[in-house]
Amino acid sequence: MNAGKTTTLLQSSHNYAERGMNPLLLKPLIDNREGQAFIRSRIGLEAEAHIFEKEENLFQKVDRHHQSTTLHCVLVDEAQFLTREQVVQLGEIVDQLGIPVLCYGLRTDFLGELFEGSRFLLAWADELREIKTVCHCGSKATMTVRLNEEGKPLQAGEQIQIGGNESYVSMCRRHFKSSIGLLKS
């Protein structure tokens, strides 16, 4: 949260387009905060995106687009929501179609557990790059805490709850553990 993942994705898309290349932006249907067909950053940048569903075959989706318009890159927002099968399909886009795929998303949920998409991206990706943000103490933030309506950290709940700054805050490991009651004295 607040590391600039979506801003970086949109900058990458802009860089490809500026050079006359065609990026394909993909966004999971589950993330409906910004309207279905757009990816928007908190700082106001936006671009049209193609929505995909949990059961959708991303290799087939990209291949169909590539048949009509040569694609030079595939950019995936909120990649933590990918399925294992979709991560494998993204690898096939790289291996069979020769199109680079860049995925942007969270590693873990508000309890420090890996998302399915993140788990398989960590295992299958050719390269990993961390986009850093900071905790309120100034240390590197590596965890995300979900807040209730009163702004208090939650210690249980469904893994997926779509939200932004009103629901989540980035923290360092020490403050994350303290906020969810894991810090040993």
C-alpha atoms as a PDB file:
ATOM      1  CA  MET A   1       0.000   0.000   0.000  1.00  0.00           C
ATOM      2  CA  ASN A   2       1.179   3.481  -0.932  1.00  0.00           C
ATOM      3  CA  ALA A   3       4.395   2.275  -2.556  1.00  0.00           C
ATOM      4  CA  GLY A   4       3.424   3.550  -5.999  1.00  0.00           C
ATOM      5  CA  LYS A   5       2.774   0.179  -7.665  1.00  0.00           C
ATOM      6  CA  THR A   6      -0.050   1.446  -9.856  1.00  0.00           C
ATOM      7  CA  THR A   7       1.797   4.672 -10.642  1.00  0.00           C
ATOM      8  CA  THR A   8       4.817   2.611 -11.738  1.00  0.00           C
ATOM      9  CA  LEU A   9       2.586   0.377 -13.887  1.00  0.00           C
ATOM     10  CA  LEU A  10       1.033   3.425 -15.557  1.00  0.00           C
ATOM     11  CA  GLN A  11       4.470   4.974 -16.119  1.00  0.00           C
ATOM     12  CA  SER A  12       5.639   1.741 -17.768  1.00  0.00           C
ATOM     13  CA  SER A  13       2.555   1.784 -20.012  1.00  0.00           C
ATOM     14  CA  HIS A  14       3.246   5.404 -20.934  1.00  0.00           C
ATOM     15  CA  ASN A  15       6.880   4.592 -21.753  1.00  0.00           C
ATOM     16  CA  TYR A  16       5.847   1.815 -24.156  1.00  0.00           C
ATOM     17  CA  ALA A  17       3.157   3.949 -25.804  1.00  0.00           C
ATOM     18  CA  GLU A  18       5.514   6.918 -26.131  1.00  0.00           C
ATOM     19  CA  ARG A  19       7.812   4.729 -28.229  1.00  0.00           C
ATOM     20  CA  GLY A  20       4.964   3.645 -30.507  1.00  0.00           C
ATOM     21  CA  MET A  21       4.576   0.271 -28.809  1.00  0.00           C
ATOM     22  CA  ASN A  22       1.342  -1.349 -27.642  1.00  0.00           C
ATOM     23  CA  PRO A  23       1.012  -2.337 -23.986  1.00  0.00           C
ATOM     24  CA  LEU A  24      -2.014  -4.319 -22.801  1.00  0.00           C
ATOM     25  CA  LEU A  25      -3.186  -3.388 -19.308  1.00  0.00           C
ATOM     26  CA  LEU A  26      -5.056  -6.034 -17.324  1.00  0.00           C
ATOM     27  CA  LYS A  27      -7.014  -5.609 -14.124  1.00  0.00           C
ATOM     28  CA  PRO A  28      -8.951  -8.227 -12.109  1.00  0.00           C
ATOM     29  CA  LEU A  29     -12.724  -7.851 -11.969  1.00  0.00           C
ATOM     30  CA  ILE A  30     -12.634  -8.144  -8.156  1.00  0.00           C
ATOM     31  CA  ASP A  31     -10.956  -4.710  -7.888  1.00  0.00           C
ATOM     32  CA  ASN A  32     -13.940  -2.512  -8.682  1.00  0.00           C
ATOM     33  CA  ARG A  33     -12.901   0.628  -6.789  1.00  0.00           C
ATOM     34  CA  GLU A  34     -11.988   2.774  -9.771  1.00  0.00           C
ATOM     35  CA  GLY A  35     -14.605   1.713 -12.289  1.00  0.00           C
ATOM     36  CA  GLN A  36     -14.421  -1.428 -14.311  1.00  0.00           C
ATOM     37  CA  ALA A  37     -12.348  -0.386 -17.302  1.00  0.00           C
ATOM     38  CA  PHE A  38      -9.731   1.864 -15.712  1.00  0.00           C
ATOM     39  CA  ILE A  39      -6.583   1.585 -13.667  1.00  0.00           C
ATOM     40  CA  ARG A  40      -6.120   4.711 -11.537  1.00  0.00           C
ATOM     41  CA  SER A  41      -3.327   5.680  -9.189  1.00  0.00           C
ATOM     42  CA  ARG A  42      -3.804   7.672  -6.014  1.00  0.00           C
ATOM     43  CA  ILE A  43      -1.983  10.610  -7.583  1.00  0.00           C
ATOM     44  CA  GLY A  44      -4.503  10.877 -10.429  1.00  0.00           C
ATOM     45  CA  LEU A  45      -2.878   8.991 -13.309  1.00  0.00           C
ATOM     46  CA  GLU A  46      -5.166   6.615 -15.189  1.00  0.00           C
ATOM     47  CA  ALA A  47      -5.427   4.403 -18.250  1.00  0.00           C
ATOM     48  CA  GLU A  48      -7.969   2.091 -19.813  1.00  0.00           C
ATOM     49  CA  ALA A  49      -7.611  -1.542 -18.864  1.00  0.00           C
ATOM     50  CA  HIS A  50      -9.033  -4.881 -19.896  1.00  0.00           C
ATOM     51  CA  ILE A  51     -10.845  -6.636 -17.079  1.00  0.00           C
ATOM     52  CA  PHE A  52     -10.299 -10.320 -16.381  1.00  0.00           C
ATOM     53  CA  GLU A  53     -12.228 -12.748 -14.238  1.00  0.00           C
ATOM     54  CA  LYS A  54     -10.845 -15.330 -11.831  1.00  0.00           C
ATOM     55  CA  GLU A  55     -11.567 -18.245 -14.166  1.00  0.00           C
ATOM     56  CA  GLU A  56     -10.444 -16.487 -17.354  1.00  0.00           C
ATOM     57  CA  ASN A  57      -7.538 -17.867 -19.372  1.00  0.00           C
ATOM     58  CA  LEU A  58      -5.081 -14.970 -19.648  1.00  0.00           C
ATOM     59  CA  PHE A  59      -2.969 -16.659 -22.312  1.00  0.00           C
ATOM     60  CA  GLN A  60      -6.007 -16.909 -24.596  1.00  0.00           C
ATOM     61  CA  LYS A  61      -7.080 -13.340 -23.784  1.00  0.00           C
ATOM     62  CA  VAL A  62      -3.653 -11.917 -24.606  1.00  0.00           C
ATOM     63  CA  ASP A  63      -3.217 -14.126 -27.675  1.00  0.00           C
ATOM     64  CA  ARG A  64      -6.548 -12.850 -29.108  1.00  0.00           C
ATOM     65  CA  HIS A  65      -5.415  -9.231 -28.612  1.00  0.00           C
ATOM     66  CA  HIS A  66      -1.999 -10.011 -30.046  1.00  0.00           C
ATOM     67  CA  GLN A  67      -3.593 -11.498 -33.186  1.00  0.00           C
ATOM     68  CA  SER A  68      -5.378  -8.213 -33.944  1.00  0.00           C
ATOM     69  CA  THR A  69      -2.784  -5.743 -32.617  1.00  0.00           C
ATOM     70  CA  THR A  70       0.864  -6.557 -32.027  1.00  0.00           C
ATOM     71  CA  LEU A  71       1.485  -6.340 -28.292  1.00  0.00           C
ATOM     72  CA  HIS A  72       4.828  -5.308 -26.855  1.00  0.00           C
ATOM     73  CA  CYS A  73       4.090  -5.741 -23.151  1.00  0.00           C
ATOM     74  CA  VAL A  74       1.396  -6.972 -20.767  1.00  0.00           C
ATOM     75  CA  LEU A  75       0.958  -5.069 -17.500  1.00  0.00           C
ATOM     76  CA  VAL A  76      -1.108  -6.637 -14.702  1.00  0.00           C
ATOM     77  CA  ASP A  77      -2.443  -4.553 -11.821  1.00  0.00           C
ATOM     78  CA  GLU A  78      -3.451  -6.081  -8.457  1.00  0.00           C
ATOM     79  CA  ALA A  79      -1.562  -9.270  -9.337  1.00  0.00           C
ATOM     80  CA  GLN A  80      -2.116 -10.714  -5.867  1.00  0.00           C
ATOM     81  CA  PHE A  81      -5.607 -11.677  -7.102  1.00  0.00           C
ATOM     82  CA  LEU A  82      -4.274 -13.943  -9.871  1.00  0.00           C
ATOM     83  CA  THR A  83      -4.832 -17.682  -9.599  1.00  0.00           C
ATOM     84  CA  ARG A  84      -2.075 -20.254  -9.850  1.00  0.00           C
ATOM     85  CA  GLU A  85      -3.311 -21.140 -13.340  1.00  0.00           C
ATOM     86  CA  GLN A  86      -3.225 -17.506 -14.429  1.00  0.00           C
ATOM     87  CA  VAL A  87       0.372 -17.127 -13.215  1.00  0.00           C
ATOM     88  CA  VAL A  88       1.311 -20.168 -15.326  1.00  0.00           C
ATOM     89  CA  GLN A  89      -0.579 -18.634 -18.275  1.00  0.00           C
ATOM     90  CA  LEU A  90       1.356 -15.376 -17.888  1.00  0.00           C
ATOM     91  CA  GLY A  91       4.569 -17.395 -18.059  1.00  0.00           C
ATOM     92  CA  GLU A  92       3.333 -18.946 -21.299  1.00  0.00           C
ATOM     93  CA  ILE A  93       2.746 -15.456 -22.712  1.00  0.00           C
ATOM     94  CA  VAL A  94       6.434 -14.750 -22.128  1.00  0.00           C
ATOM     95  CA  ASP A  95       7.675 -18.162 -23.276  1.00  0.00           C
ATOM     96  CA  GLN A  96       5.398 -18.821 -26.268  1.00  0.00           C
ATOM     97  CA  LEU A  97       4.441 -15.359 -27.495  1.00  0.00           C
ATOM     98  CA  GLY A  98       7.659 -13.564 -26.525  1.00  0.00           C
ATOM     99  CA  ILE A  99       5.755 -10.732 -24.839  1.00  0.00           C
ATOM    100  CA  PRO A 100       7.145  -9.381 -21.559  1.00  0.00           C
ATOM    101  CA  VAL A 101       4.708  -9.485 -18.629  1.00  0.00           C
ATOM    102  CA  LEU A 102       5.038  -7.109 -15.676  1.00  0.00           C
ATOM    103  CA  CYS A 103       2.870  -7.764 -12.621  1.00  0.00           C
ATOM    104  CA  TYR A 104       2.213  -5.309  -9.805  1.00  0.00           C
ATOM    105  CA  GLY A 105       0.608  -6.258  -6.523  1.00  0.00           C
ATOM    106  CA  LEU A 106       0.893  -6.968  -2.826  1.00  0.00           C
ATOM    107  CA  ARG A 107       2.872  -9.870  -1.428  1.00  0.00           C
ATOM    108  CA  THR A 108       0.880 -10.517   1.741  1.00  0.00           C
ATOM    109  CA  ASP A 109      -2.527  -9.801   3.216  1.00  0.00           C
ATOM    110  CA  PHE A 110      -3.363  -7.962   6.441  1.00  0.00           C
ATOM    111  CA  LEU A 111      -2.425 -11.020   8.533  1.00  0.00           C
ATOM    112  CA  GLY A 112       0.951 -11.547   6.858  1.00  0.00           C
ATOM    113  CA  GLU A 113      -0.271 -14.463   4.718  1.00  0.00           C
ATOM    114  CA  LEU A 114       0.641 -14.769   1.034  1.00  0.00           C
ATOM    115  CA  PHE A 115      -2.083 -14.183  -1.530  1.00  0.00           C
ATOM    116  CA  GLU A 116      -2.453 -17.008  -4.075  1.00  0.00           C
ATOM    117  CA  GLY A 117      -1.242 -14.876  -6.975  1.00  0.00           C
ATOM    118  CA  SER A 118       1.702 -13.542  -4.996  1.00  0.00           C
ATOM    119  CA  ARG A 119       2.684 -17.020  -3.835  1.00  0.00           C
ATOM    120  CA  PHE A 120       2.955 -18.336  -7.374  1.00  0.00           C
ATOM    121  CA  LEU A 121       4.513 -15.180  -8.781  1.00  0.00           C
ATOM    122  CA  LEU A 122       7.222 -15.430  -6.110  1.00  0.00           C
ATOM    123  CA  ALA A 123       7.848 -19.014  -7.236  1.00  0.00           C
ATOM    124  CA  TRP A 124       7.570 -18.605 -11.025  1.00  0.00           C
ATOM    125  CA  ALA A 125       8.682 -15.054 -11.888  1.00  0.00           C
ATOM    126  CA  ASP A 126      11.925 -14.528 -13.783  1.00  0.00           C
ATOM    127  CA  GLU A 127      12.655 -11.425 -11.759  1.00  0.00           C
ATOM    128  CA  LEU A 128      11.289  -9.740  -8.624  1.00  0.00           C
ATOM    129  CA  ARG A 129      11.535  -6.055  -7.802  1.00  0.00           C
ATOM    130  CA  GLU A 130      10.272  -4.592  -4.591  1.00  0.00           C
ATOM    131  CA  ILE A 131       8.737  -1.136  -4.611  1.00  0.00           C
ATOM    132  CA  LYS A 132       9.397   0.333  -1.207  1.00  0.00           C
ATOM    133  CA  THR A 133       7.306   2.475   1.082  1.00  0.00           C
ATOM    134  CA  VAL A 134       7.771   3.547   4.698  1.00  0.00           C
ATOM    135  CA  CYS A 135       6.116   2.900   8.047  1.00  0.00           C
ATOM    136  CA  HIS A 136       5.009   5.800  10.245  1.00  0.00           C
ATOM    137  CA  CYS A 137       8.252   5.267  12.220  1.00  0.00           C
ATOM    138  CA  GLY A 138      10.378   5.832   9.107  1.00  0.00           C
ATOM    139  CA  SER A 139      11.474   2.204   8.702  1.00  0.00           C
ATOM    140  CA  LYS A 140      10.864   0.219   5.539  1.00  0.00           C
ATOM    141  CA  ALA A 141       7.216  -0.940   5.453  1.00  0.00           C
ATOM    142  CA  THR A 142       6.828  -4.565   4.381  1.00  0.00           C
ATOM    143  CA  MET A 143       3.398  -5.380   5.815  1.00  0.00           C
ATOM    144  CA  THR A 144      -0.154  -4.104   5.479  1.00  0.00           C
ATOM    145  CA  VAL A 145      -2.604  -3.718   8.356  1.00  0.00           C
ATOM    146  CA  ARG A 146      -6.388  -3.619   7.808  1.00  0.00           C
ATOM    147  CA  LEU A 147      -8.290  -1.110   9.897  1.00  0.00           C
ATOM    148  CA  ASN A 148     -11.881  -1.226  11.122  1.00  0.00           C
ATOM    149  CA  GLU A 149     -14.302   1.718  10.880  1.00  0.00           C
ATOM    150  CA  GLU A 150     -12.768   3.258  14.038  1.00  0.00           C
ATOM    151  CA  GLY A 151      -9.240   3.023  12.623  1.00  0.00           C
ATOM    152  CA  LYS A 152      -8.205   0.101  14.855  1.00  0.00           C
ATOM    153  CA  PRO A 153      -6.179  -2.824  13.428  1.00  0.00           C
ATOM    154  CA  LEU A 154      -8.138  -5.982  12.652  1.00  0.00           C
ATOM    155  CA  GLN A 155      -6.770  -9.372  13.679  1.00  0.00           C
ATOM    156  CA  ALA A 156      -9.207 -11.567  11.744  1.00  0.00           C
ATOM    157  CA  GLY A 157     -11.432 -11.502   8.682  1.00  0.00           C
ATOM    158  CA  GLU A 158     -11.708 -12.523   5.061  1.00  0.00           C
ATOM    159  CA  GLN A 159      -8.436 -12.370   3.156  1.00  0.00           C
ATOM    160  CA  ILE A 160      -9.846 -10.149   0.434  1.00  0.00           C
ATOM    161  CA  GLN A 161     -11.529  -6.851   1.179  1.00  0.00           C
ATOM    162  CA  ILE A 162     -11.120  -4.190  -1.469  1.00  0.00           C
ATOM    163  CA  GLY A 163     -10.108  -0.834  -0.050  1.00  0.00           C
ATOM    164  CA  GLY A 164      -7.587   1.957   0.015  1.00  0.00           C
ATOM    165  CA  ASN A 165      -6.163   4.324   2.604  1.00  0.00           C
ATOM    166  CA  GLU A 166      -9.440   4.252   4.538  1.00  0.00           C
ATOM    167  CA  SER A 167      -8.980   0.516   5.179  1.00  0.00           C
ATOM    168  CA  TYR A 168      -5.254  -0.220   5.069  1.00  0.00           C
ATOM    169  CA  VAL A 169      -1.950   1.159   6.308  1.00  0.00           C
ATOM    170  CA  SER A 170       1.614   0.048   5.544  1.00  0.00           C
ATOM    171  CA  MET A 171       3.889  -0.790   8.471  1.00  0.00           C
ATOM    172  CA  CYS A 172       7.293  -2.209   9.252  1.00  0.00           C
ATOM    173  CA  ARG A 173       7.348  -5.767  10.616  1.00  0.00           C
ATOM    174  CA  ARG A 174       7.768  -4.601  14.221  1.00  0.00           C
ATOM    175  CA  HIS A 175       4.748  -2.279  14.141  1.00  0.00           C
ATOM    176  CA  PHE A 176       2.723  -4.839  12.186  1.00  0.00           C
ATOM    177  CA  LYS A 177       3.374  -7.487  14.838  1.00  0.00           C
ATOM    178  CA  SER A 178       2.530  -5.031  17.605  1.00  0.00           C
ATOM    179  CA  SER A 179      -0.699  -3.924  15.902  1.00  0.00           C
ATOM    180  CA  ILE A 180      -2.049  -7.469  15.512  1.00  0.00           C
ATOM    181  CA  GLY A 181      -0.833  -8.677  18.905  1.00  0.00           C
ATOM    182  CA  LEU A 182       2.166 -10.779  17.843  1.00  0.00           C
ATOM    183  CA  LEU A 183       4.939  -8.708  19.455  1.00  0.00           C
ATOM    184  CA  LYS A 184       6.676 -10.593  22.268  1.00  0.00           C
ATOM    185  CA  SER A 185       7.946  -8.505  25.160  1.00  0.00           C
END
